[in-house]
Amino acid sequence: ERRASASLALVFALRMLGLFIVLPVFALEAARLPGGEDAARVGFAMGLYGLTQAFLQIPLGLASDRFGRKPVIVAGLLLFALGSGIAAWAP
């Protein structure tokens, strides 16, 4: 039980770490892009990330009850890794 709790805590910690690593430099990097000087657009982009997590939390919680916690977490991490890879290779 402790191992499962530690693994799940690590997943959530990495998710939050990913957000808070990007947050301080996002506004500075966005300023170099078209429309990035608009604070409302930058805030909207960061807010959209948080809202997506909030809206998908209940459906994915139900999916984990139906299919098991581990497959849903693995699928979410794979999707996150794919998105991170696409973002890393963006020009």
PDB file of N, CA and C in Angstrom:
ATOM      1  N   GLU A   1       0.820  -1.190   0.000  1.00  0.00           N
ATOM      2  CA  GLU A   1       0.000   0.000   0.000  1.00  0.00           C
ATOM      3  C   GLU A   1       0.866   1.257   0.000  1.00  0.00           C
ATOM      4  N   ARG A   2       1.952   1.218   0.745  1.00  0.00           N
ATOM      5  CA  ARG A   2       2.841   2.389   0.776  1.00  0.00           C
ATOM      6  C   ARG A   2       3.490   2.618  -0.591  1.00  0.00           C
ATOM      7  N   ARG A   3       3.844   1.518  -1.250  1.00  0.00           N
ATOM      8  CA  ARG A   3       4.470   1.643  -2.573  1.00  0.00           C
ATOM      9  C   ARG A   3       3.490   2.251  -3.573  1.00  0.00           C
ATOM     10  N   ALA A   4       2.248   1.800  -3.543  1.00  0.00           N
ATOM     11  CA  ALA A   4       1.234   2.346  -4.450  1.00  0.00           C
ATOM     12  C   ALA A   4       0.975   3.818  -4.145  1.00  0.00           C
ATOM     13  N   SER A   5       0.902   4.161  -2.870  1.00  0.00           N
ATOM     14  CA  SER A   5       0.682   5.563  -2.484  1.00  0.00           C
ATOM     15  C   SER A   5       1.849   6.443  -2.909  1.00  0.00           C
ATOM     16  N   ALA A   6       3.065   5.930  -2.728  1.00  0.00           N
ATOM     17  CA  ALA A   6       4.242   6.703  -3.132  1.00  0.00           C
ATOM     18  C   ALA A   6       4.283   6.883  -4.647  1.00  0.00           C
ATOM     19  N   SER A   7       3.923   5.847  -5.399  1.00  0.00           N
ATOM     20  CA  SER A   7       3.910   5.951  -6.862  1.00  0.00           C
ATOM     21  C   SER A   7       2.889   6.970  -7.330  1.00  0.00           C
ATOM     22  N   LEU A   8       1.710   6.924  -6.755  1.00  0.00           N
ATOM     23  CA  LEU A   8       0.663   7.869  -7.135  1.00  0.00           C
ATOM     24  C   LEU A   8       1.044   9.295  -6.747  1.00  0.00           C
ATOM     25  N   ALA A   9       1.648   9.450  -5.577  1.00  0.00           N
ATOM     26  CA  ALA A   9       2.099  10.778  -5.155  1.00  0.00           C
ATOM     27  C   ALA A   9       3.174  11.305  -6.097  1.00  0.00           C
ATOM     28  N   LEU A  10       4.050  10.425  -6.576  1.00  0.00           N
ATOM     29  CA  LEU A  10       5.084  10.835  -7.512  1.00  0.00           C
ATOM     30  C   LEU A  10       4.480  11.300  -8.838  1.00  0.00           C
ATOM     31  N   VAL A  11       3.450  10.613  -9.300  1.00  0.00           N
ATOM     32  CA  VAL A  11       2.783  11.011 -10.541  1.00  0.00           C
ATOM     33  C   VAL A  11       2.191  12.409 -10.402  1.00  0.00           C
ATOM     34  N   PHE A  12       1.486  12.661  -9.306  1.00  0.00           N
ATOM     35  CA  PHE A  12       0.895  13.985  -9.096  1.00  0.00           C
ATOM     36  C   PHE A  12       1.967  15.051  -8.909  1.00  0.00           C
ATOM     37  N   ALA A  13       3.051  14.697  -8.222  1.00  0.00           N
ATOM     38  CA  ALA A  13       4.136  15.663  -8.024  1.00  0.00           C
ATOM     39  C   ALA A  13       4.780  16.035  -9.352  1.00  0.00           C
ATOM     40  N   LEU A  14       4.994  15.067 -10.216  1.00  0.00           N
ATOM     41  CA  LEU A  14       5.571  15.360 -11.522  1.00  0.00           C
ATOM     42  C   LEU A  14       4.638  16.205 -12.372  1.00  0.00           C
ATOM     43  N   ARG A  15       3.332  15.970 -12.254  1.00  0.00           N
ATOM     44  CA  ARG A  15       2.367  16.778 -13.006  1.00  0.00           C
ATOM     45  C   ARG A  15       2.425  18.236 -12.559  1.00  0.00           C
ATOM     46  N   MET A  16       2.462  18.444 -11.254  1.00  0.00           N
ATOM     47  CA  MET A  16       2.540  19.811 -10.731  1.00  0.00           C
ATOM     48  C   MET A  16       3.901  20.431 -11.033  1.00  0.00           C
ATOM     49  N   LEU A  17       4.964  19.635 -10.958  1.00  0.00           N
ATOM     50  CA  LEU A  17       6.298  20.143 -11.275  1.00  0.00           C
ATOM     51  C   LEU A  17       6.340  20.626 -12.717  1.00  0.00           C
ATOM     52  N   GLY A  18       5.727  19.851 -13.618  1.00  0.00           N
ATOM     53  CA  GLY A  18       5.688  20.250 -15.022  1.00  0.00           C
ATOM     54  C   GLY A  18       5.014  21.596 -15.219  1.00  0.00           C
ATOM     55  N   LEU A  19       3.926  21.821 -14.511  1.00  0.00           N
ATOM     56  CA  LEU A  19       3.217  23.099 -14.629  1.00  0.00           C
ATOM     57  C   LEU A  19       4.037  24.235 -14.040  1.00  0.00           C
ATOM     58  N   PHE A  20       4.582  24.034 -12.855  1.00  0.00           N
ATOM     59  CA  PHE A  20       5.249  25.137 -12.168  1.00  0.00           C
ATOM     60  C   PHE A  20       6.668  25.394 -12.673  1.00  0.00           C
ATOM     61  N   ILE A  21       7.233  24.478 -13.442  1.00  0.00           N
ATOM     62  CA  ILE A  21       8.500  24.770 -14.102  1.00  0.00           C
ATOM     63  C   ILE A  21       8.248  25.695 -15.287  1.00  0.00           C
ATOM     64  N   VAL A  22       7.152  25.454 -15.980  1.00  0.00           N
ATOM     65  CA  VAL A  22       6.824  26.239 -17.174  1.00  0.00           C
ATOM     66  C   VAL A  22       6.271  27.613 -16.808  1.00  0.00           C
ATOM     67  N   LEU A  23       5.512  27.687 -15.755  1.00  0.00           N
ATOM     68  CA  LEU A  23       4.798  28.913 -15.396  1.00  0.00           C
ATOM     69  C   LEU A  23       5.676  30.164 -15.333  1.00  0.00           C
ATOM     70  N   PRO A  24       6.818  30.158 -14.644  1.00  0.00           N
ATOM     71  CA  PRO A  24       7.592  31.406 -14.540  1.00  0.00           C
ATOM     72  C   PRO A  24       8.176  31.898 -15.867  1.00  0.00           C
ATOM     73  N   VAL A  25       8.521  30.978 -16.748  1.00  0.00           N
ATOM     74  CA  VAL A  25       9.162  31.397 -17.993  1.00  0.00           C
ATOM     75  C   VAL A  25       8.190  31.483 -19.162  1.00  0.00           C
ATOM     76  N   PHE A  26       6.967  31.016 -18.964  1.00  0.00           N
ATOM     77  CA  PHE A  26       5.999  30.993 -20.055  1.00  0.00           C
ATOM     78  C   PHE A  26       5.694  32.392 -20.570  1.00  0.00           C
ATOM     79  N   ALA A  27       5.483  33.326 -19.667  1.00  0.00           N
ATOM     80  CA  ALA A  27       5.157  34.701 -20.077  1.00  0.00           C
ATOM     81  C   ALA A  27       6.329  35.333 -20.822  1.00  0.00           C
ATOM     82  N   LEU A  28       7.546  35.061 -20.380  1.00  0.00           N
ATOM     83  CA  LEU A  28       8.718  35.618 -21.058  1.00  0.00           C
ATOM     84  C   LEU A  28       8.878  35.023 -22.449  1.00  0.00           C
ATOM     85  N   GLU A  29       8.679  33.727 -22.568  1.00  0.00           N
ATOM     86  CA  GLU A  29       8.796  33.078 -23.873  1.00  0.00           C
ATOM     87  C   GLU A  29       7.644  33.479 -24.792  1.00  0.00           C
ATOM     88  N   ALA A  30       6.452  33.603 -24.232  1.00  0.00           N
ATOM     89  CA  ALA A  30       5.281  33.965 -25.031  1.00  0.00           C
ATOM     90  C   ALA A  30       5.423  35.357 -25.628  1.00  0.00           C
ATOM     91  N   ALA A  31       6.136  36.247 -24.955  1.00  0.00           N
ATOM     92  CA  ALA A  31       6.304  37.615 -25.456  1.00  0.00           C
ATOM     93  C   ALA A  31       7.037  37.642 -26.791  1.00  0.00           C
ATOM     94  N   ARG A  32       7.799  36.589 -27.082  1.00  0.00           N
ATOM     95  CA  ARG A  32       8.526  36.543 -28.352  1.00  0.00           C
ATOM     96  C   ARG A  32       7.669  36.000 -29.493  1.00  0.00           C
ATOM     97  N   LEU A  33       6.472  35.526 -29.184  1.00  0.00           N
ATOM     98  CA  LEU A  33       5.587  34.950 -30.198  1.00  0.00           C
ATOM     99  C   LEU A  33       4.502  35.947 -30.584  1.00  0.00           C
ATOM    100  N   PRO A  34       3.901  35.787 -31.772  1.00  0.00           N
ATOM    101  CA  PRO A  34       2.809  36.683 -32.165  1.00  0.00           C
ATOM    102  C   PRO A  34       1.641  36.592 -31.178  1.00  0.00           C
ATOM    103  N   GLY A  35       1.204  37.710 -30.664  1.00  0.00           N
ATOM    104  CA  GLY A  35       0.109  37.752 -29.698  1.00  0.00           C
ATOM    105  C   GLY A  35       0.551  37.490 -28.265  1.00  0.00           C
ATOM    106  N   GLY A  36       1.825  37.204 -28.064  1.00  0.00           N
ATOM    107  CA  GLY A  36       2.329  36.870 -26.734  1.00  0.00           C
ATOM    108  C   GLY A  36       2.464  38.042 -25.795  1.00  0.00           C
ATOM    109  N   GLU A  37       2.387  39.260 -26.333  1.00  0.00           N
ATOM    110  CA  GLU A  37       2.468  40.430 -25.447  1.00  0.00           C
ATOM    111  C   GLU A  37       1.134  40.715 -24.767  1.00  0.00           C
ATOM    112  N   ASP A  38       0.080  40.042 -25.212  1.00  0.00           N
ATOM    113  CA  ASP A  38      -1.247  40.205 -24.613  1.00  0.00           C
ATOM    114  C   ASP A  38      -1.347  39.315 -23.370  1.00  0.00           C
ATOM    115  N   ALA A  39      -1.383  39.946 -22.205  1.00  0.00           N
ATOM    116  CA  ALA A  39      -1.409  39.196 -20.944  1.00  0.00           C
ATOM    117  C   ALA A  39      -2.652  38.315 -20.831  1.00  0.00           C
ATOM    118  N   ALA A  40      -3.759  38.741 -21.413  1.00  0.00           N
ATOM    119  CA  ALA A  40      -4.989  37.945 -21.349  1.00  0.00           C
ATOM    120  C   ALA A  40      -4.825  36.630 -22.098  1.00  0.00           C
ATOM    121  N   ARG A  41      -4.168  36.661 -23.248  1.00  0.00           N
ATOM    122  CA  ARG A  41      -3.947  35.425 -24.015  1.00  0.00           C
ATOM    123  C   ARG A  41      -3.003  34.479 -23.287  1.00  0.00           C
ATOM    124  N   VAL A  42      -1.966  35.024 -22.686  1.00  0.00           N
ATOM    125  CA  VAL A  42      -1.017  34.200 -21.942  1.00  0.00           C
ATOM    126  C   VAL A  42      -1.718  33.571 -20.736  1.00  0.00           C
ATOM    127  N   GLY A  43      -2.496  34.357 -20.031  1.00  0.00           N
ATOM    128  CA  GLY A  43      -3.250  33.836 -18.898  1.00  0.00           C
ATOM    129  C   GLY A  43      -4.277  32.803 -19.320  1.00  0.00           C
ATOM    130  N   PHE A  44      -4.908  33.033 -20.463  1.00  0.00           N
ATOM    131  CA  PHE A  44      -5.885  32.082 -20.987  1.00  0.00           C
ATOM    132  C   PHE A  44      -5.220  30.742 -21.310  1.00  0.00           C
ATOM    133  N   ALA A  45      -4.044  30.783 -21.900  1.00  0.00           N
ATOM    134  CA  ALA A  45      -3.330  29.547 -22.234  1.00  0.00           C
ATOM    135  C   ALA A  45      -2.992  28.752 -20.986  1.00  0.00           C
ATOM    136  N   MET A  46      -2.512  29.417 -19.953  1.00  0.00           N
ATOM    137  CA  MET A  46      -2.188  28.708 -18.712  1.00  0.00           C
ATOM    138  C   MET A  46      -3.460  28.246 -17.997  1.00  0.00           C
ATOM    139  N   GLY A  47      -4.502  29.062 -18.028  1.00  0.00           N
ATOM    140  CA  GLY A  47      -5.765  28.681 -17.408  1.00  0.00           C
ATOM    141  C   GLY A  47      -6.418  27.509 -18.104  1.00  0.00           C
ATOM    142  N   LEU A  48      -6.278  27.455 -19.421  1.00  0.00           N
ATOM    143  CA  LEU A  48      -6.844  26.351 -20.182  1.00  0.00           C
ATOM    144  C   LEU A  48      -6.214  25.022 -19.783  1.00  0.00           C
ATOM    145  N   TYR A  49      -4.932  25.043 -19.497  1.00  0.00           N
ATOM    146  CA  TYR A  49      -4.249  23.836 -19.030  1.00  0.00           C
ATOM    147  C   TYR A  49      -4.867  23.353 -17.709  1.00  0.00           C
ATOM    148  N   GLY A  50      -5.052  24.256 -16.773  1.00  0.00           N
ATOM    149  CA  GLY A  50      -5.639  23.894 -15.478  1.00  0.00           C
ATOM    150  C   GLY A  50      -7.091  23.467 -15.596  1.00  0.00           C
ATOM    151  N   LEU A  51      -7.858  24.157 -16.446  1.00  0.00           N
ATOM    152  CA  LEU A  51      -9.268  23.796 -16.626  1.00  0.00           C
ATOM    153  C   LEU A  51      -9.423  22.420 -17.281  1.00  0.00           C
ATOM    154  N   THR A  52      -8.529  22.101 -18.195  1.00  0.00           N
ATOM    155  CA  THR A  52      -8.569  20.784 -18.823  1.00  0.00           C
ATOM    156  C   THR A  52      -8.364  19.701 -17.773  1.00  0.00           C
ATOM    157  N   GLN A  53      -7.411  19.905 -16.888  1.00  0.00           N
ATOM    158  CA  GLN A  53      -7.198  18.937 -15.812  1.00  0.00           C
ATOM    159  C   GLN A  53      -8.426  18.851 -14.915  1.00  0.00           C
ATOM    160  N   ALA A  54      -9.039  19.969 -14.605  1.00  0.00           N
ATOM    161  CA  ALA A  54     -10.205  19.969 -13.723  1.00  0.00           C
ATOM    162  C   ALA A  54     -11.399  19.255 -14.359  1.00  0.00           C
ATOM    163  N   PHE A  55     -11.643  19.516 -15.638  1.00  0.00           N
ATOM    164  CA  PHE A  55     -12.800  18.903 -16.302  1.00  0.00           C
ATOM    165  C   PHE A  55     -12.614  17.412 -16.564  1.00  0.00           C
ATOM    166  N   LEU A  56     -11.387  16.977 -16.761  1.00  0.00           N
ATOM    167  CA  LEU A  56     -11.145  15.563 -17.053  1.00  0.00           C
ATOM    168  C   LEU A  56     -10.919  14.722 -15.804  1.00  0.00           C
ATOM    169  N   GLN A  57     -10.814  15.354 -14.654  1.00  0.00           N
ATOM    170  CA  GLN A  57     -10.543  14.623 -13.428  1.00  0.00           C
ATOM    171  C   GLN A  57     -11.663  13.628 -13.093  1.00  0.00           C
ATOM    172  N   ILE A  58     -12.909  14.033 -13.193  1.00  0.00           N
ATOM    173  CA  ILE A  58     -14.024  13.131 -12.854  1.00  0.00           C
ATOM    174  C   ILE A  58     -14.189  12.025 -13.893  1.00  0.00           C
ATOM    175  N   PRO A  59     -14.220  12.325 -15.204  1.00  0.00           N
ATOM    176  CA  PRO A  59     -14.343  11.223 -16.165  1.00  0.00           C
ATOM    177  C   PRO A  59     -13.183  10.228 -16.094  1.00  0.00           C
ATOM    178  N   LEU A  60     -11.976  10.719 -15.892  1.00  0.00           N
ATOM    179  CA  LEU A  60     -10.848   9.793 -15.791  1.00  0.00           C
ATOM    180  C   LEU A  60     -10.846   9.048 -14.467  1.00  0.00           C
ATOM    181  N   GLY A  61     -11.403   9.645 -13.432  1.00  0.00           N
ATOM    182  CA  GLY A  61     -11.578   8.928 -12.166  1.00  0.00           C
ATOM    183  C   GLY A  61     -12.561   7.776 -12.335  1.00  0.00           C
ATOM    184  N   LEU A  62     -13.639   8.023 -13.062  1.00  0.00           N
ATOM    185  CA  LEU A  62     -14.595   6.949 -13.347  1.00  0.00           C
ATOM    186  C   LEU A  62     -13.964   5.865 -14.216  1.00  0.00           C
ATOM    187  N   ALA A  63     -13.135   6.279 -15.168  1.00  0.00           N
ATOM    188  CA  ALA A  63     -12.436   5.304 -16.011  1.00  0.00           C
ATOM    189  C   ALA A  63     -11.485   4.454 -15.181  1.00  0.00           C
ATOM    190  N   SER A  64     -10.838   5.051 -14.200  1.00  0.00           N
ATOM    191  CA  SER A  64      -9.930   4.268 -13.359  1.00  0.00           C
ATOM    192  C   SER A  64     -10.697   3.290 -12.480  1.00  0.00           C
ATOM    193  N   ASP A  65     -11.923   3.636 -12.105  1.00  0.00           N
ATOM    194  CA  ASP A  65     -12.753   2.685 -11.359  1.00  0.00           C
ATOM    195  C   ASP A  65     -13.160   1.510 -12.245  1.00  0.00           C
ATOM    196  N   ARG A  66     -13.387   1.796 -13.497  1.00  0.00           N
ATOM    197  CA  ARG A  66     -13.849   0.742 -14.416  1.00  0.00           C
ATOM    198  C   ARG A  66     -12.708  -0.121 -14.948  1.00  0.00           C
ATOM    199  N   PHE A  67     -11.598   0.517 -15.355  1.00  0.00           N
ATOM    200  CA  PHE A  67     -10.509  -0.211 -16.001  1.00  0.00           C
ATOM    201  C   PHE A  67      -9.321  -0.471 -15.084  1.00  0.00           C
ATOM    202  N   GLY A  68      -9.302   0.167 -13.945  1.00  0.00           N
ATOM    203  CA  GLY A  68      -8.165   0.046 -13.034  1.00  0.00           C
ATOM    204  C   GLY A  68      -7.336   1.317 -13.056  1.00  0.00           C
ATOM    205  N   ARG A  69      -6.718   1.587 -11.936  1.00  0.00           N
ATOM    206  CA  ARG A  69      -5.969   2.832 -11.793  1.00  0.00           C
ATOM    207  C   ARG A  69      -4.720   2.856 -12.667  1.00  0.00           C
ATOM    208  N   LYS A  70      -3.978   1.742 -12.661  1.00  0.00           N
ATOM    209  CA  LYS A  70      -2.703   1.723 -13.382  1.00  0.00           C
ATOM    210  C   LYS A  70      -2.856   1.946 -14.891  1.00  0.00           C
ATOM    211  N   PRO A  71      -3.791   1.273 -15.581  1.00  0.00           N
ATOM    212  CA  PRO A  71      -3.913   1.532 -17.021  1.00  0.00           C
ATOM    213  C   PRO A  71      -4.279   2.984 -17.355  1.00  0.00           C
ATOM    214  N   VAL A  72      -5.118   3.591 -16.533  1.00  0.00           N
ATOM    215  CA  VAL A  72      -5.510   4.984 -16.791  1.00  0.00           C
ATOM    216  C   VAL A  72      -4.331   5.922 -16.544  1.00  0.00           C
ATOM    217  N   ILE A  73      -3.560   5.683 -15.496  1.00  0.00           N
ATOM    218  CA  ILE A  73      -2.389   6.519 -15.214  1.00  0.00           C
ATOM    219  C   ILE A  73      -1.355   6.362 -16.322  1.00  0.00           C
ATOM    220  N   VAL A  74      -1.117   5.132 -16.749  1.00  0.00           N
ATOM    221  CA  VAL A  74      -0.146   4.897 -17.820  1.00  0.00           C
ATOM    222  C   VAL A  74      -0.603   5.577 -19.109  1.00  0.00           C
ATOM    223  N   ALA A  75      -1.893   5.468 -19.440  1.00  0.00           N
ATOM    224  CA  ALA A  75      -2.411   6.120 -20.646  1.00  0.00           C
ATOM    225  C   ALA A  75      -2.246   7.639 -20.545  1.00  0.00           C
ATOM    226  N   GLY A  76      -2.537   8.204 -19.386  1.00  0.00           N
ATOM    227  CA  GLY A  76      -2.374   9.644 -19.190  1.00  0.00           C
ATOM    228  C   GLY A  76      -0.924  10.079 -19.302  1.00  0.00           C
ATOM    229  N   LEU A  77      -0.017   9.297 -18.739  1.00  0.00           N
ATOM    230  CA  LEU A  77       1.403   9.637 -18.829  1.00  0.00           C
ATOM    231  C   LEU A  77       1.921   9.521 -20.260  1.00  0.00           C
ATOM    232  N   LEU A  78       1.433   8.521 -20.991  1.00  0.00           N
ATOM    233  CA  LEU A  78       1.831   8.392 -22.392  1.00  0.00           C
ATOM    234  C   LEU A  78       1.333   9.577 -23.215  1.00  0.00           C
ATOM    235  N   LEU A  79       0.092   9.986 -22.960  1.00  0.00           N
ATOM    236  CA  LEU A  79      -0.452  11.150 -23.659  1.00  0.00           C
ATOM    237  C   LEU A  79       0.327  12.411 -23.304  1.00  0.00           C
ATOM    238  N   PHE A  80       0.679  12.545 -22.034  1.00  0.00           N
ATOM    239  CA  PHE A  80       1.472  13.693 -21.584  1.00  0.00           C
ATOM    240  C   PHE A  80       2.850  13.685 -22.245  1.00  0.00           C
ATOM    241  N   ALA A  81       3.482  12.513 -22.324  1.00  0.00           N
ATOM    242  CA  ALA A  81       4.797  12.400 -22.956  1.00  0.00           C
ATOM    243  C   ALA A  81       4.713  12.740 -24.445  1.00  0.00           C
ATOM    244  N   LEU A  82       3.660  12.281 -25.101  1.00  0.00           N
ATOM    245  CA  LEU A  82       3.470  12.594 -26.510  1.00  0.00           C
ATOM    246  C   LEU A  82       3.320  14.104 -26.716  1.00  0.00           C
ATOM    247  N   GLY A  83       2.476  14.722 -25.921  1.00  0.00           N
ATOM    248  CA  GLY A  83       2.293  16.169 -26.010  1.00  0.00           C
ATOM    249  C   GLY A  83       3.557  16.936 -25.707  1.00  0.00           C
ATOM    250  N   SER A  84       4.326  16.473 -24.729  1.00  0.00           N
ATOM    251  CA  SER A  84       5.590  17.120 -24.391  1.00  0.00           C
ATOM    252  C   SER A  84       6.591  16.994 -25.537  1.00  0.00           C
ATOM    253  N   GLY A  85       6.606  15.830 -26.176  1.00  0.00           N
ATOM    254  CA  GLY A  85       7.495  15.636 -27.326  1.00  0.00           C
ATOM    255  C   GLY A  85       7.125  16.529 -28.487  1.00  0.00           C
ATOM    256  N   ILE A  86       5.836  16.646 -28.762  1.00  0.00           N
ATOM    257  CA  ILE A  86       5.377  17.529 -29.844  1.00  0.00           C
ATOM    258  C   ILE A  86       5.757  18.982 -29.530  1.00  0.00           C
ATOM    259  N   ALA A  87       5.559  19.378 -28.276  1.00  0.00           N
ATOM    260  CA  ALA A  87       5.904  20.750 -27.886  1.00  0.00           C
ATOM    261  C   ALA A  87       7.410  20.987 -27.970  1.00  0.00           C
ATOM    262  N   ALA A  88       8.204  19.987 -27.620  1.00  0.00           N
ATOM    263  CA  ALA A  88       9.662  20.146 -27.658  1.00  0.00           C
ATOM    264  C   ALA A  88      10.176  20.295 -29.080  1.00  0.00           C
ATOM    265  N   TRP A  89       9.535  19.632 -30.032  1.00  0.00           N
ATOM    266  CA  TRP A  89       9.988  19.694 -31.411  1.00  0.00           C
ATOM    267  C   TRP A  89       9.346  20.826 -32.214  1.00  0.00           C
ATOM    268  N   ALA A  90       8.498  21.599 -31.587  1.00  0.00           N
ATOM    269  CA  ALA A  90       7.851  22.703 -32.297  1.00  0.00           C
ATOM    270  C   ALA A  90       8.887  23.766 -32.646  1.00  0.00           C
ATOM    271  N   PRO A  91       8.747  24.386 -33.797  1.00  0.00           N
ATOM    272  CA  PRO A  91       9.727  25.424 -34.176  1.00  0.00           C
ATOM    273  C   PRO A  91       9.554  26.685 -33.338  1.00  0.00           C
TER     274      PRO A  91
END
